[in-house]
Amino acid sequence: MKASLLDIVCCPLDKHDLDLDVTEREEGDDGEIIAGTLTCTDCGETYPIEDGIPNLLPPDMRE
């Protein structure tokens, strides 16, 4: 996932902004994000980023 994606994604529950917490990134300053979490600035729900793909499904729809 590219960090610039944060400009267009939002929390699927309440449409507020998401904060990014990176735990793994490709080499280089502009490297794609491999793992981390996105956290809603309003409701606090977290969404995982795994293998570079953010899982923005609501919590009750995730496996």
N, C-alpha and C. Protein backbone atom coordinates (compact mmCIF):
# COMPACT_ATOMS: atom_id res chain seq x y z
N MET A 1 0.84 -1.16 0.00
CA MET A 1 0.00 0.00 0.00
C MET A 1 0.89 1.23 0.00
N LYS A 2 0.55 2.20 -0.77
CA LYS A 2 1.28 3.47 -0.77
C LYS A 2 0.65 4.40 0.27
N ALA A 3 1.50 5.17 0.96
CA ALA A 3 1.03 6.09 1.99
C ALA A 3 0.08 7.12 1.40
N SER A 4 0.22 7.44 0.14
CA SER A 4 -0.66 8.43 -0.50
C SER A 4 -2.11 7.96 -0.56
N LEU A 5 -2.36 6.68 -0.37
CA LEU A 5 -3.71 6.15 -0.36
C LEU A 5 -4.54 6.75 0.78
N LEU A 6 -3.87 7.21 1.83
CA LEU A 6 -4.57 7.81 2.97
C LEU A 6 -5.36 9.05 2.57
N ASP A 7 -4.99 9.67 1.46
CA ASP A 7 -5.71 10.86 0.99
C ASP A 7 -7.12 10.52 0.51
N ILE A 8 -7.37 9.26 0.15
CA ILE A 8 -8.68 8.92 -0.41
C ILE A 8 -9.47 7.89 0.39
N VAL A 9 -8.84 7.19 1.33
CA VAL A 9 -9.58 6.19 2.11
C VAL A 9 -10.09 6.81 3.41
N CYS A 10 -11.16 6.22 3.93
CA CYS A 10 -11.71 6.67 5.21
C CYS A 10 -12.30 5.46 5.93
N CYS A 11 -12.68 5.67 7.17
CA CYS A 11 -13.28 4.60 7.97
C CYS A 11 -14.60 4.19 7.32
N PRO A 12 -14.81 2.90 7.06
CA PRO A 12 -16.06 2.46 6.43
C PRO A 12 -17.27 2.58 7.37
N LEU A 13 -17.03 2.72 8.66
CA LEU A 13 -18.14 2.81 9.61
C LEU A 13 -18.68 4.22 9.74
N ASP A 14 -17.79 5.22 9.87
CA ASP A 14 -18.26 6.58 10.11
C ASP A 14 -17.66 7.63 9.19
N LYS A 15 -16.88 7.19 8.21
CA LYS A 15 -16.32 8.06 7.16
C LYS A 15 -15.31 9.10 7.67
N HIS A 16 -14.71 8.87 8.84
CA HIS A 16 -13.67 9.78 9.35
C HIS A 16 -12.30 9.35 8.83
N ASP A 17 -11.31 10.22 9.05
CA ASP A 17 -9.94 9.95 8.59
C ASP A 17 -9.33 8.77 9.35
N LEU A 18 -8.29 8.21 8.74
CA LEU A 18 -7.56 7.09 9.33
C LEU A 18 -6.12 7.50 9.60
N ASP A 19 -5.60 7.07 10.77
CA ASP A 19 -4.19 7.26 11.10
C ASP A 19 -3.43 6.00 10.74
N LEU A 20 -2.23 6.17 10.23
CA LEU A 20 -1.40 5.05 9.78
C LEU A 20 -0.32 4.74 10.79
N ASP A 21 -0.17 3.44 11.13
CA ASP A 21 0.92 2.96 11.98
C ASP A 21 1.63 1.86 11.19
N VAL A 22 2.85 2.13 10.77
CA VAL A 22 3.61 1.20 9.92
C VAL A 22 4.48 0.30 10.78
N THR A 23 4.40 -1.02 10.54
CA THR A 23 5.28 -1.97 11.21
C THR A 23 6.31 -2.58 10.26
N GLU A 24 6.02 -2.54 8.95
CA GLU A 24 6.97 -3.06 7.96
C GLU A 24 6.79 -2.29 6.65
N ARG A 25 7.93 -1.87 6.09
CA ARG A 25 7.91 -1.09 4.85
C ARG A 25 9.04 -1.57 3.95
N GLU A 26 8.81 -1.50 2.63
CA GLU A 26 9.88 -1.80 1.68
C GLU A 26 11.01 -0.80 1.88
N GLU A 27 12.20 -1.15 1.44
CA GLU A 27 13.35 -0.26 1.59
C GLU A 27 13.15 1.04 0.84
N GLY A 28 13.72 2.10 1.37
CA GLY A 28 13.61 3.41 0.75
C GLY A 28 12.55 4.26 1.43
N ASP A 29 12.69 5.56 1.29
CA ASP A 29 11.76 6.48 1.94
C ASP A 29 10.35 6.37 1.40
N ASP A 30 10.22 6.10 0.10
CA ASP A 30 8.89 5.99 -0.51
C ASP A 30 8.46 4.54 -0.71
N GLY A 31 9.08 3.63 0.05
CA GLY A 31 8.74 2.22 -0.09
C GLY A 31 7.31 1.94 0.31
N GLU A 32 6.72 0.97 -0.36
CA GLU A 32 5.33 0.63 -0.04
C GLU A 32 5.23 0.02 1.35
N ILE A 33 4.09 0.24 1.98
CA ILE A 33 3.84 -0.28 3.32
C ILE A 33 3.40 -1.74 3.18
N ILE A 34 4.11 -2.63 3.87
CA ILE A 34 3.83 -4.06 3.80
C ILE A 34 2.88 -4.48 4.93
N ALA A 35 3.11 -3.95 6.14
CA ALA A 35 2.30 -4.33 7.29
C ALA A 35 2.12 -3.13 8.21
N GLY A 36 0.99 -3.13 8.90
CA GLY A 36 0.69 -2.06 9.84
C GLY A 36 -0.80 -2.03 10.13
N THR A 37 -1.25 -0.89 10.64
CA THR A 37 -2.67 -0.73 10.93
C THR A 37 -3.13 0.66 10.54
N LEU A 38 -4.40 0.74 10.23
CA LEU A 38 -5.08 2.01 10.02
C LEU A 38 -6.09 2.15 11.14
N THR A 39 -6.09 3.29 11.84
CA THR A 39 -6.97 3.50 12.98
C THR A 39 -7.85 4.71 12.73
N CYS A 40 -9.15 4.56 12.94
CA CYS A 40 -10.09 5.66 12.75
C CYS A 40 -9.84 6.73 13.82
N THR A 41 -9.82 7.98 13.38
CA THR A 41 -9.56 9.09 14.31
C THR A 41 -10.78 9.39 15.18
N ASP A 42 -11.96 8.86 14.83
CA ASP A 42 -13.16 9.14 15.61
C ASP A 42 -13.59 7.94 16.46
N CYS A 43 -13.87 6.80 15.83
CA CYS A 43 -14.40 5.66 16.59
C CYS A 43 -13.30 4.76 17.16
N GLY A 44 -12.06 4.88 16.66
CA GLY A 44 -10.95 4.09 17.18
C GLY A 44 -10.84 2.68 16.62
N GLU A 45 -11.71 2.30 15.70
CA GLU A 45 -11.64 0.97 15.08
C GLU A 45 -10.33 0.85 14.30
N THR A 46 -9.70 -0.32 14.36
CA THR A 46 -8.45 -0.54 13.64
C THR A 46 -8.67 -1.50 12.48
N TYR A 47 -7.91 -1.27 11.42
CA TYR A 47 -7.98 -2.07 10.20
C TYR A 47 -6.56 -2.51 9.87
N PRO A 48 -6.34 -3.81 9.71
CA PRO A 48 -4.98 -4.30 9.45
C PRO A 48 -4.52 -4.08 8.01
N ILE A 49 -3.22 -3.93 7.86
CA ILE A 49 -2.58 -3.94 6.54
C ILE A 49 -1.70 -5.19 6.53
N GLU A 50 -2.00 -6.12 5.64
CA GLU A 50 -1.25 -7.37 5.55
C GLU A 50 -0.82 -7.59 4.12
N ASP A 51 0.45 -7.89 3.92
CA ASP A 51 1.02 -8.10 2.59
C ASP A 51 0.74 -6.92 1.66
N GLY A 52 0.73 -5.71 2.23
CA GLY A 52 0.54 -4.50 1.44
C GLY A 52 -0.90 -4.18 1.09
N ILE A 53 -1.85 -4.95 1.64
CA ILE A 53 -3.26 -4.75 1.32
C ILE A 53 -4.02 -4.35 2.58
N PRO A 54 -4.63 -3.16 2.57
CA PRO A 54 -5.44 -2.76 3.73
C PRO A 54 -6.79 -3.48 3.71
N ASN A 55 -7.17 -4.04 4.86
CA ASN A 55 -8.45 -4.73 4.99
C ASN A 55 -9.44 -3.75 5.62
N LEU A 56 -10.25 -3.10 4.79
CA LEU A 56 -11.18 -2.08 5.25
C LEU A 56 -12.60 -2.61 5.43
N LEU A 57 -12.73 -3.92 5.57
CA LEU A 57 -14.03 -4.48 5.87
C LEU A 57 -14.43 -4.13 7.30
N PRO A 58 -15.71 -3.88 7.55
CA PRO A 58 -16.15 -3.65 8.92
C PRO A 58 -15.79 -4.85 9.79
N PRO A 59 -15.59 -4.65 11.09
CA PRO A 59 -15.12 -5.72 11.97
C PRO A 59 -15.99 -6.98 11.93
N ASP A 60 -17.29 -6.84 11.81
CA ASP A 60 -18.15 -8.02 11.82
C ASP A 60 -18.10 -8.81 10.52
N MET A 61 -17.44 -8.28 9.49
CA MET A 61 -17.34 -8.98 8.21
C MET A 61 -15.95 -9.61 8.00
N ARG A 62 -15.01 -9.34 8.90
CA ARG A 62 -13.65 -9.91 8.78
C ARG A 62 -13.62 -11.31 9.35
N GLU A 63 -12.74 -12.13 8.79
CA GLU A 63 -12.55 -13.49 9.33
C GLU A 63 -11.38 -13.49 10.27
